[in-house]
Amino acid sequence: QVQLVESGGGLVQPGGSLKLSCAASTSIFNIGNMGWYRQAPGKQRELVAGITLGGNTNYEDSVKGRFTISGDYAKNTVYLQMNSLKPEDTGVYYCNRNGAVKVPWGQGTQVTVSS
């Protein structure tokens, strides 16, 4: 079955940057449109950025202009560049299919924005 492995999280000060990676065990073309999801403490998981197989992107309002999703489909990898980080960006970040039917979730990567 498909495996997704997220990495790149860490502790960063407000205003800092991080780049997350999501490596898939199969071609992204076998999964479909992809997204990055965030689960903040005590909250439900939410989609923050999506990318289609054609490269079109969409963002949740709070991250527009700060986050950039991209894909290197030759490497079966999707990225999330996060700039101007805010404390409210804190959470566990996951990647998965951007659609109603998900593939098994990975372990996620923790992002903590704090001074």
C-alpha atoms as a PDB file:
ATOM      1  CA  GLN A   1       0.000   0.000   0.000  1.00  0.00           C
ATOM      2  CA  VAL A   2       0.985   3.609  -0.417  1.00  0.00           C
ATOM      3  CA  GLN A   3       3.270   5.074   2.232  1.00  0.00           C
ATOM      4  CA  LEU A   4       3.775   8.783   2.835  1.00  0.00           C
ATOM      5  CA  VAL A   5       6.723  10.062   4.853  1.00  0.00           C
ATOM      6  CA  GLU A   6       6.784  13.677   5.989  1.00  0.00           C
ATOM      7  CA  SER A   7       9.925  15.434   7.166  1.00  0.00           C
ATOM      8  CA  GLY A   8      11.448  18.858   7.671  1.00  0.00           C
ATOM      9  CA  GLY A   9       9.588  20.109  10.706  1.00  0.00           C
ATOM     10  CA  GLY A  10      11.153  21.654  13.767  1.00  0.00           C
ATOM     11  CA  LEU A  11      11.199  24.538  16.192  1.00  0.00           C
ATOM     12  CA  VAL A  12      11.432  27.978  14.604  1.00  0.00           C
ATOM     13  CA  GLN A  13      11.017  31.520  15.814  1.00  0.00           C
ATOM     14  CA  PRO A  14       8.178  33.708  14.551  1.00  0.00           C
ATOM     15  CA  GLY A  15       9.093  35.112  11.170  1.00  0.00           C
ATOM     16  CA  GLY A  16      11.268  32.140  10.347  1.00  0.00           C
ATOM     17  CA  SER A  17      11.029  29.599   7.544  1.00  0.00           C
ATOM     18  CA  LEU A  18      10.845  25.848   7.112  1.00  0.00           C
ATOM     19  CA  LYS A  19      10.551  23.563   4.111  1.00  0.00           C
ATOM     20  CA  LEU A  20       8.601  20.365   4.543  1.00  0.00           C
ATOM     21  CA  SER A  21       8.959  17.308   2.327  1.00  0.00           C
ATOM     22  CA  CYS A  22       6.531  14.495   1.644  1.00  0.00           C
ATOM     23  CA  ALA A  23       7.987  11.408   0.028  1.00  0.00           C
ATOM     24  CA  ALA A  24       5.579   8.896  -1.468  1.00  0.00           C
ATOM     25  CA  SER A  25       6.324   5.207  -1.981  1.00  0.00           C
ATOM     26  CA  THR A  26       4.716   5.333  -5.399  1.00  0.00           C
ATOM     27  CA  SER A  27       4.370   7.820  -8.206  1.00  0.00           C
ATOM     28  CA  ILE A  28       2.350  10.876  -7.268  1.00  0.00           C
ATOM     29  CA  PHE A  29       0.441  10.243 -10.493  1.00  0.00           C
ATOM     30  CA  ASN A  30      -0.872   7.048  -8.890  1.00  0.00           C
ATOM     31  CA  ILE A  31      -2.193   9.043  -5.917  1.00  0.00           C
ATOM     32  CA  GLY A  32      -3.616  12.122  -7.627  1.00  0.00           C
ATOM     33  CA  ASN A  33      -3.950  15.686  -6.481  1.00  0.00           C
ATOM     34  CA  MET A  34      -2.037  16.238  -3.250  1.00  0.00           C
ATOM     35  CA  GLY A  35      -2.369  18.455  -0.225  1.00  0.00           C
ATOM     36  CA  TRP A  36      -0.663  19.495   2.963  1.00  0.00           C
ATOM     37  CA  TYR A  37      -2.784  19.299   6.087  1.00  0.00           C
ATOM     38  CA  ARG A  38      -2.228  20.812   9.519  1.00  0.00           C
ATOM     39  CA  GLN A  39      -3.511  19.574  12.844  1.00  0.00           C
ATOM     40  CA  ALA A  40      -3.118  22.225  15.510  1.00  0.00           C
ATOM     41  CA  PRO A  41      -3.311  21.235  19.187  1.00  0.00           C
ATOM     42  CA  GLY A  42      -6.903  20.505  20.119  1.00  0.00           C
ATOM     43  CA  LYS A  43      -8.186  21.105  16.597  1.00  0.00           C
ATOM     44  CA  GLN A  44      -9.220  19.019  13.638  1.00  0.00           C
ATOM     45  CA  ARG A  45      -6.902  18.408  10.738  1.00  0.00           C
ATOM     46  CA  GLU A  46      -7.362  21.003   8.017  1.00  0.00           C
ATOM     47  CA  LEU A  47      -6.132  21.426   4.460  1.00  0.00           C
ATOM     48  CA  VAL A  48      -3.719  24.342   4.158  1.00  0.00           C
ATOM     49  CA  ALA A  49      -2.398  23.898   0.618  1.00  0.00           C
ATOM     50  CA  GLY A  50      -3.237  21.787  -2.403  1.00  0.00           C
ATOM     51  CA  ILE A  51      -1.630  21.045  -5.745  1.00  0.00           C
ATOM     52  CA  THR A  52      -3.103  19.308  -8.760  1.00  0.00           C
ATOM     53  CA  LEU A  53      -1.223  16.944 -11.042  1.00  0.00           C
ATOM     54  CA  GLY A  54      -1.173  19.795 -13.526  1.00  0.00           C
ATOM     55  CA  GLY A  55       0.532  22.088 -11.036  1.00  0.00           C
ATOM     56  CA  ASN A  56      -2.390  24.304 -10.078  1.00  0.00           C
ATOM     57  CA  THR A  57      -2.282  25.345  -6.438  1.00  0.00           C
ATOM     58  CA  ASN A  58      -4.687  26.577  -3.818  1.00  0.00           C
ATOM     59  CA  TYR A  59      -4.215  27.813  -0.266  1.00  0.00           C
ATOM     60  CA  GLU A  60      -6.177  28.306   2.903  1.00  0.00           C
ATOM     61  CA  ASP A  61      -6.635  32.030   3.505  1.00  0.00           C
ATOM     62  CA  SER A  62      -4.396  32.251   6.564  1.00  0.00           C
ATOM     63  CA  VAL A  63      -1.341  30.948   4.676  1.00  0.00           C
ATOM     64  CA  LYS A  64      -1.763  32.711   1.339  1.00  0.00           C
ATOM     65  CA  GLY A  65       1.332  34.676   0.415  1.00  0.00           C
ATOM     66  CA  ARG A  66       3.416  32.838   3.020  1.00  0.00           C
ATOM     67  CA  PHE A  67       3.285  29.154   2.050  1.00  0.00           C
ATOM     68  CA  THR A  68       4.138  27.611  -1.305  1.00  0.00           C
ATOM     69  CA  ILE A  69       3.310  24.049  -2.280  1.00  0.00           C
ATOM     70  CA  SER A  70       5.262  22.384  -5.064  1.00  0.00           C
ATOM     71  CA  GLY A  71       5.979  18.945  -6.418  1.00  0.00           C
ATOM     72  CA  ASP A  72       8.911  17.083  -7.908  1.00  0.00           C
ATOM     73  CA  TYR A  73       7.014  14.219  -9.448  1.00  0.00           C
ATOM     74  CA  ALA A  74      10.165  12.568 -10.743  1.00  0.00           C
ATOM     75  CA  LYS A  75      11.153  12.139  -7.095  1.00  0.00           C
ATOM     76  CA  ASN A  76       7.625  11.268  -5.922  1.00  0.00           C
ATOM     77  CA  THR A  77       7.886  14.198  -3.534  1.00  0.00           C
ATOM     78  CA  VAL A  78       5.712  17.150  -2.608  1.00  0.00           C
ATOM     79  CA  TYR A  79       7.064  20.148  -0.717  1.00  0.00           C
ATOM     80  CA  LEU A  80       5.682  22.932   1.436  1.00  0.00           C
ATOM     81  CA  GLN A  81       7.822  26.054   1.743  1.00  0.00           C
ATOM     82  CA  MET A  82       6.674  28.015   4.771  1.00  0.00           C
ATOM     83  CA  ASN A  83       7.827  31.589   5.263  1.00  0.00           C
ATOM     84  CA  SER A  84       6.956  34.314   7.767  1.00  0.00           C
ATOM     85  CA  LEU A  85       5.835  31.657  10.211  1.00  0.00           C
ATOM     86  CA  LYS A  86       3.455  32.599  13.003  1.00  0.00           C
ATOM     87  CA  PRO A  87       2.723  30.887  16.326  1.00  0.00           C
ATOM     88  CA  GLU A  88      -0.691  29.896  14.960  1.00  0.00           C
ATOM     89  CA  ASP A  89       1.066  27.804  12.306  1.00  0.00           C
ATOM     90  CA  THR A  90       2.107  25.399  15.044  1.00  0.00           C
ATOM     91  CA  GLY A  91       0.892  21.863  14.566  1.00  0.00           C
ATOM     92  CA  VAL A  92       1.597  18.506  13.016  1.00  0.00           C
ATOM     93  CA  TYR A  93       1.765  18.681   9.234  1.00  0.00           C
ATOM     94  CA  TYR A  94       0.709  15.800   7.034  1.00  0.00           C
ATOM     95  CA  CYS A  95       0.473  15.248   3.309  1.00  0.00           C
ATOM     96  CA  ASN A  96      -2.191  13.166   1.611  1.00  0.00           C
ATOM     97  CA  ARG A  97      -4.407  13.017  -1.385  1.00  0.00           C
ATOM     98  CA  ASN A  98      -6.521  16.134  -1.777  1.00  0.00           C
ATOM     99  CA  GLY A  99      -9.816  14.357  -2.208  1.00  0.00           C
ATOM    100  CA  ALA A 100     -12.561  12.550  -0.379  1.00  0.00           C
ATOM    101  CA  VAL A 101     -10.737   9.219  -0.288  1.00  0.00           C
ATOM    102  CA  LYS A 102      -7.391   9.390   1.457  1.00  0.00           C
ATOM    103  CA  VAL A 103      -4.442   7.034   1.364  1.00  0.00           C
ATOM    104  CA  PRO A 104      -3.036   5.882   4.735  1.00  0.00           C
ATOM    105  CA  TRP A 105      -1.751   8.846   6.733  1.00  0.00           C
ATOM    106  CA  GLY A 106       1.929   9.142   7.509  1.00  0.00           C
ATOM    107  CA  GLN A 107       3.330  10.048  10.899  1.00  0.00           C
ATOM    108  CA  GLY A 108       3.412  13.750  10.112  1.00  0.00           C
ATOM    109  CA  THR A 109       6.079  16.256  11.021  1.00  0.00           C
ATOM    110  CA  GLN A 110       5.842  18.625  13.978  1.00  0.00           C
ATOM    111  CA  VAL A 111       6.174  22.346  13.377  1.00  0.00           C
ATOM    112  CA  THR A 112       6.471  24.581  16.415  1.00  0.00           C
ATOM    113  CA  VAL A 113       6.639  28.350  16.027  1.00  0.00           C
ATOM    114  CA  SER A 114       7.685  29.967  19.255  1.00  0.00           C
ATOM    115  CA  SER A 115      10.111  32.508  20.621  1.00  0.00           C
END
